[in-house]
Amino acid sequence: MSEMIERVAKAIYEEDDPWHKAWPWPNLNESQGSPEPYRRIAAAAIKAMREPSEAMIEAGQQTDETITAVDVYRAMIDAALVGEG
């Protein structure tokens, strides 16, 4: 599991569950089940972000255009997804 997937999964869990302080990540109680569904949701959210918006592309575009902001952004998202398994 990648560090970013774990970080996003924890954020989703904490936003979703009002009892998250009683059962901190990833020690969910029996009624909450496994942390795996949160990890799958996190991976799906990160995948959805893989394609940058036009505004993001424009904001990050390199002036020499040999390496584009799109290439860099995709590489960073791909790195966040490593270990998704």
Protein backbone atom coordinates (compact mmCIF):
# COMPACT_ATOMS: atom_id res chain seq x y z
CA MET A 1 0.00 0.00 0.00
CA SER A 2 1.43 3.36 -0.95
CA GLU A 3 1.88 6.13 1.56
CA MET A 4 -0.47 8.41 -0.41
CA ILE A 5 -3.26 5.83 -0.64
CA GLU A 6 -2.97 5.29 3.11
CA ARG A 7 -3.03 9.04 3.77
CA VAL A 8 -6.10 9.60 1.57
CA ALA A 9 -7.87 6.53 3.02
CA LYS A 10 -7.32 7.85 6.55
CA ALA A 11 -8.69 11.27 5.58
CA ILE A 12 -11.79 9.66 4.03
CA TYR A 13 -12.30 7.50 7.13
CA GLU A 14 -11.95 10.45 9.49
CA GLU A 15 -14.39 12.53 7.45
CA ASP A 16 -16.84 9.62 7.14
CA ASP A 17 -16.89 8.31 10.72
CA PRO A 18 -17.76 10.58 13.65
CA TRP A 19 -16.22 7.99 16.02
CA HIS A 20 -12.80 8.06 14.37
CA LYS A 21 -11.20 9.53 17.50
CA ALA A 22 -12.37 6.56 19.57
CA TRP A 23 -11.01 4.12 16.99
CA PRO A 24 -8.07 5.84 15.29
CA TRP A 25 -6.91 4.71 11.88
CA PRO A 26 -6.40 1.85 11.07
CA ASN A 27 -7.77 0.30 14.29
CA LEU A 28 -11.43 0.28 13.29
CA ASN A 29 -13.90 -1.55 15.53
CA GLU A 30 -15.90 -4.60 14.44
CA SER A 31 -18.93 -2.60 13.28
CA GLN A 32 -16.70 -0.45 11.06
CA GLY A 33 -15.12 -3.47 9.42
CA SER A 34 -11.84 -3.46 7.58
CA PRO A 35 -9.88 -0.40 6.44
CA GLU A 36 -9.70 -1.98 2.95
CA PRO A 37 -12.86 -0.29 1.57
CA TYR A 38 -11.39 3.08 2.50
CA ARG A 39 -8.15 2.15 0.73
CA ARG A 40 -10.07 1.16 -2.43
CA ILE A 41 -12.00 4.44 -2.37
CA ALA A 42 -8.75 6.35 -1.88
CA ALA A 43 -7.10 4.60 -4.84
CA ALA A 44 -10.15 5.34 -7.01
CA ALA A 45 -10.06 9.02 -6.00
CA ILE A 46 -6.36 9.30 -6.81
CA LYS A 47 -6.91 7.58 -10.17
CA ALA A 48 -9.66 10.08 -10.96
CA MET A 49 -7.13 12.86 -10.40
CA ARG A 50 -4.63 11.35 -12.85
CA GLU A 51 -5.77 13.57 -15.72
CA PRO A 52 -5.13 17.22 -14.85
CA SER A 53 -7.65 19.92 -15.67
CA GLU A 54 -6.85 22.51 -18.33
CA ALA A 55 -6.26 25.12 -15.62
CA MET A 56 -3.78 22.82 -13.89
CA ILE A 57 -1.95 22.20 -17.14
CA GLU A 58 -1.68 25.90 -17.89
CA ALA A 59 -0.50 26.69 -14.35
CA GLY A 60 2.21 24.06 -14.40
CA GLN A 61 3.40 24.12 -18.00
CA GLN A 62 7.20 24.30 -18.42
CA THR A 63 8.36 27.18 -20.60
CA ASP A 64 10.67 25.04 -22.74
CA GLU A 65 7.92 22.41 -23.25
CA THR A 66 10.39 19.50 -23.35
CA ILE A 67 8.84 18.08 -20.20
CA THR A 68 5.24 19.14 -19.85
CA ALA A 69 3.30 19.76 -16.70
CA VAL A 70 1.00 16.91 -17.78
CA ASP A 71 3.92 14.46 -17.85
CA VAL A 72 5.14 15.57 -14.43
CA TYR A 73 1.65 15.51 -12.93
CA ARG A 74 0.89 12.03 -14.28
CA ALA A 75 4.21 10.71 -13.01
CA MET A 76 3.45 12.10 -9.56
CA ILE A 77 -0.04 10.53 -9.49
CA ASP A 78 1.40 7.23 -10.74
CA ALA A 79 3.93 7.34 -7.90
CA ALA A 80 1.11 7.90 -5.42
CA LEU A 81 -0.60 4.76 -6.72
CA VAL A 82 2.45 2.48 -6.49
CA GLY A 83 1.80 -0.39 -4.17
CA GLU A 84 -1.96 -0.32 -4.76
CA GLY A 85 -1.79 -4.08 -5.34
